[in-house]
Structure formats: C-alpha cells, structure tokens
Amino acid sequence: MRTTVSLSDDLFRSAKPFLGKRSFSHFIREAIRRYVIQLERERLAKEMEEGYRFEAESPSLDPIWSTVEGDGL
C-alpha cells in the first residue's frame, strides 16, 4: 500500500543518520512494525494486569481448589 506521510524537517534529519543503505520507506516500515509490536505487548500486559486484578478481587476458582493452588501439586 502506498501512502503519504508528513514529517517535520527535524524528525527527518534525526532519522537520516540511521538509514544506512536502507531506503527511507524501508526504515519507516521497520519503525512502524517495531512500534506496533511494542504497542501489542503493552496492550497484552495491561489486559493481563486487569485480569489478575479482577481475579484477586472476585476469585473464580472454587474455594476447595485454593489449598491445591497454595500447596502446589
């Protein structure tokens, strides 16, 4: 997919030394890919934290299993 992106001159100049032999398009694709992975990880961590917090406040585990959970198998 082709798209047009507007960048400030300062941002473009800041990125230029890191291009190496890559095209600017390749550099941008890689930067977006890495940022999306980071955002996905942050979203997953938030969902897990919310799930743990909810479980701590309202346990769904039958109380009879709490001894197994605490003692291990």
N, C-alpha and C. Protein backbone atom coordinates (compact mmCIF):
# COMPACT_ATOMS: atom_id res chain seq x y z
N MET A 1 0.84 -1.17 0.00
CA MET A 1 0.00 0.00 0.00
C MET A 1 0.88 1.24 0.00
N ARG A 2 0.54 2.15 -0.79
CA ARG A 2 1.27 3.42 -0.81
C ARG A 2 0.50 4.47 -0.04
N THR A 3 1.24 5.30 0.67
CA THR A 3 0.61 6.38 1.42
C THR A 3 1.60 7.53 1.51
N THR A 4 1.11 8.67 1.85
CA THR A 4 1.95 9.85 2.02
C THR A 4 1.99 10.19 3.49
N VAL A 5 3.20 10.43 3.99
CA VAL A 5 3.39 10.77 5.40
C VAL A 5 4.11 12.10 5.46
N SER A 6 3.63 12.98 6.32
CA SER A 6 4.29 14.27 6.51
C SER A 6 5.12 14.22 7.78
N LEU A 7 6.38 14.59 7.65
CA LEU A 7 7.29 14.63 8.80
C LEU A 7 7.88 16.02 8.90
N SER A 8 8.18 16.40 10.12
CA SER A 8 8.88 17.67 10.28
C SER A 8 10.31 17.51 9.75
N ASP A 9 10.90 18.61 9.36
CA ASP A 9 12.29 18.57 8.87
C ASP A 9 13.22 18.03 9.95
N ASP A 10 12.96 18.43 11.20
CA ASP A 10 13.81 17.97 12.31
C ASP A 10 13.75 16.45 12.47
N LEU A 11 12.55 15.88 12.38
CA LEU A 11 12.41 14.43 12.52
C LEU A 11 13.11 13.71 11.37
N PHE A 12 12.95 14.22 10.17
CA PHE A 12 13.61 13.60 9.02
C PHE A 12 15.13 13.65 9.18
N ARG A 13 15.65 14.80 9.59
CA ARG A 13 17.11 14.94 9.79
C ARG A 13 17.60 14.01 10.91
N SER A 14 16.78 13.83 11.94
CA SER A 14 17.16 12.95 13.05
C SER A 14 17.23 11.49 12.60
N ALA A 15 16.36 11.11 11.70
CA ALA A 15 16.30 9.72 11.23
C ALA A 15 17.37 9.42 10.18
N LYS A 16 17.74 10.40 9.41
CA LYS A 16 18.63 10.19 8.27
C LYS A 16 19.93 9.45 8.60
N PRO A 17 20.61 9.76 9.70
CA PRO A 17 21.86 9.04 10.00
C PRO A 17 21.66 7.54 10.25
N PHE A 18 20.45 7.12 10.57
CA PHE A 18 20.18 5.73 10.88
C PHE A 18 19.73 4.92 9.67
N LEU A 19 19.59 5.54 8.54
CA LEU A 19 19.11 4.85 7.35
C LEU A 19 20.09 3.83 6.83
N GLY A 20 21.36 4.14 6.90
CA GLY A 20 22.36 3.25 6.31
C GLY A 20 22.08 3.11 4.83
N LYS A 21 22.07 1.88 4.32
CA LYS A 21 21.82 1.65 2.90
C LYS A 21 20.34 1.42 2.61
N ARG A 22 19.53 1.43 3.68
CA ARG A 22 18.09 1.23 3.50
C ARG A 22 17.44 2.46 2.89
N SER A 23 16.35 2.23 2.20
CA SER A 23 15.56 3.36 1.72
C SER A 23 14.79 3.93 2.91
N PHE A 24 14.35 5.16 2.76
CA PHE A 24 13.57 5.76 3.83
C PHE A 24 12.27 4.98 4.03
N SER A 25 11.68 4.49 2.96
CA SER A 25 10.45 3.69 3.06
C SER A 25 10.69 2.43 3.89
N HIS A 26 11.81 1.76 3.65
CA HIS A 26 12.14 0.55 4.42
C HIS A 26 12.33 0.91 5.88
N PHE A 27 13.00 2.01 6.14
CA PHE A 27 13.23 2.46 7.51
C PHE A 27 11.90 2.72 8.22
N ILE A 28 10.99 3.40 7.55
CA ILE A 28 9.68 3.71 8.13
C ILE A 28 8.89 2.43 8.38
N ARG A 29 8.90 1.50 7.42
CA ARG A 29 8.19 0.22 7.61
C ARG A 29 8.70 -0.50 8.85
N GLU A 30 10.01 -0.56 9.00
CA GLU A 30 10.62 -1.24 10.14
C GLU A 30 10.27 -0.52 11.45
N ALA A 31 10.30 0.79 11.44
CA ALA A 31 9.98 1.57 12.64
C ALA A 31 8.52 1.34 13.05
N ILE A 32 7.62 1.35 12.08
CA ILE A 32 6.20 1.13 12.39
C ILE A 32 5.99 -0.29 12.88
N ARG A 33 6.63 -1.27 12.24
CA ARG A 33 6.49 -2.67 12.66
C ARG A 33 6.93 -2.83 14.11
N ARG A 34 8.08 -2.26 14.47
CA ARG A 34 8.58 -2.37 15.85
C ARG A 34 7.65 -1.67 16.83
N TYR A 35 7.11 -0.53 16.43
CA TYR A 35 6.22 0.22 17.32
C TYR A 35 4.91 -0.54 17.53
N VAL A 36 4.39 -1.16 16.48
CA VAL A 36 3.17 -1.95 16.61
C VAL A 36 3.40 -3.13 17.55
N ILE A 37 4.54 -3.80 17.44
CA ILE A 37 4.86 -4.90 18.35
C ILE A 37 4.91 -4.40 19.79
N GLN A 38 5.53 -3.26 20.00
CA GLN A 38 5.61 -2.67 21.34
C GLN A 38 4.21 -2.37 21.88
N LEU A 39 3.36 -1.77 21.05
CA LEU A 39 2.00 -1.45 21.49
C LEU A 39 1.20 -2.72 21.79
N GLU A 40 1.38 -3.76 20.99
CA GLU A 40 0.69 -5.03 21.25
C GLU A 40 1.13 -5.63 22.58
N ARG A 41 2.42 -5.58 22.87
CA ARG A 41 2.93 -6.09 24.15
C ARG A 41 2.38 -5.29 25.32
N GLU A 42 2.34 -3.96 25.17
CA GLU A 42 1.79 -3.12 26.23
C GLU A 42 0.31 -3.41 26.45
N ARG A 43 -0.45 -3.61 25.37
CA ARG A 43 -1.87 -3.92 25.49
C ARG A 43 -2.07 -5.26 26.19
N LEU A 44 -1.27 -6.25 25.81
CA LEU A 44 -1.37 -7.57 26.44
C LEU A 44 -1.03 -7.49 27.93
N ALA A 45 0.01 -6.76 28.27
CA ALA A 45 0.40 -6.61 29.67
C ALA A 45 -0.72 -5.94 30.47
N LYS A 46 -1.36 -4.94 29.87
CA LYS A 46 -2.47 -4.25 30.54
C LYS A 46 -3.65 -5.21 30.74
N GLU A 47 -3.98 -5.98 29.70
CA GLU A 47 -5.08 -6.94 29.80
C GLU A 47 -4.78 -7.99 30.88
N MET A 48 -3.54 -8.46 30.93
CA MET A 48 -3.18 -9.45 31.93
C MET A 48 -3.27 -8.85 33.33
N GLU A 49 -2.79 -7.63 33.50
CA GLU A 49 -2.87 -6.97 34.80
C GLU A 49 -4.32 -6.81 35.24
N GLU A 50 -5.18 -6.38 34.31
CA GLU A 50 -6.60 -6.23 34.63
C GLU A 50 -7.21 -7.57 35.01
N GLY A 51 -6.85 -8.62 34.28
CA GLY A 51 -7.37 -9.95 34.58
C GLY A 51 -6.92 -10.44 35.96
N TYR A 52 -5.64 -10.24 36.27
CA TYR A 52 -5.14 -10.65 37.58
C TYR A 52 -5.83 -9.86 38.70
N ARG A 53 -5.98 -8.56 38.46
CA ARG A 53 -6.63 -7.71 39.46
C ARG A 53 -8.08 -8.15 39.68
N PHE A 54 -8.81 -8.42 38.60
CA PHE A 54 -10.19 -8.86 38.69
C PHE A 54 -10.27 -10.20 39.43
N GLU A 55 -9.37 -11.11 39.10
CA GLU A 55 -9.36 -12.43 39.74
C GLU A 55 -9.07 -12.29 41.24
N ALA A 56 -8.19 -11.37 41.61
CA ALA A 56 -7.86 -11.16 43.02
C ALA A 56 -9.06 -10.59 43.77
N GLU A 57 -9.82 -9.73 43.11
CA GLU A 57 -10.99 -9.12 43.75
C GLU A 57 -12.19 -10.06 43.78
N SER A 58 -12.35 -10.87 42.75
CA SER A 58 -13.50 -11.77 42.63
C SER A 58 -13.02 -13.13 42.14
N PRO A 59 -12.43 -13.93 43.01
CA PRO A 59 -11.88 -15.22 42.57
C PRO A 59 -12.94 -16.10 41.91
N SER A 60 -12.57 -16.68 40.79
CA SER A 60 -13.48 -17.58 40.08
C SER A 60 -13.19 -19.04 40.42
N LEU A 61 -12.10 -19.28 41.11
CA LEU A 61 -11.71 -20.64 41.48
C LEU A 61 -12.53 -21.11 42.67
N ASP A 62 -13.06 -22.31 42.57
CA ASP A 62 -13.81 -22.91 43.67
C ASP A 62 -12.90 -22.93 44.90
N PRO A 63 -13.39 -22.51 46.06
CA PRO A 63 -12.55 -22.44 47.27
C PRO A 63 -11.86 -23.76 47.61
N ILE A 64 -12.45 -24.87 47.25
CA ILE A 64 -11.83 -26.16 47.55
C ILE A 64 -10.48 -26.32 46.86
N TRP A 65 -10.30 -25.63 45.73
CA TRP A 65 -9.04 -25.72 44.99
C TRP A 65 -7.97 -24.78 45.54
N SER A 66 -8.34 -23.88 46.43
CA SER A 66 -7.35 -22.93 46.94
C SER A 66 -6.22 -23.63 47.69
N THR A 67 -6.52 -24.76 48.34
CA THR A 67 -5.45 -25.48 49.03
C THR A 67 -4.49 -26.09 48.03
N VAL A 68 -5.00 -26.60 46.91
CA VAL A 68 -4.14 -27.16 45.87
C VAL A 68 -3.32 -26.05 45.23
N GLU A 69 -3.97 -24.93 44.99
CA GLU A 69 -3.27 -23.80 44.38
C GLU A 69 -2.15 -23.31 45.29
N GLY A 70 -2.42 -23.23 46.59
CA GLY A 70 -1.42 -22.76 47.53
C GLY A 70 -0.32 -23.76 47.80
N ASP A 71 -0.65 -25.03 47.87
CA ASP A 71 0.32 -26.07 48.19
C ASP A 71 1.06 -26.59 46.97
N GLY A 72 0.50 -26.40 45.80
CA GLY A 72 1.08 -26.99 44.59
C GLY A 72 0.60 -28.42 44.44
N LEU A 73 1.05 -29.04 43.38
CA LEU A 73 0.61 -30.41 43.12
C LEU A 73 1.58 -31.42 43.66
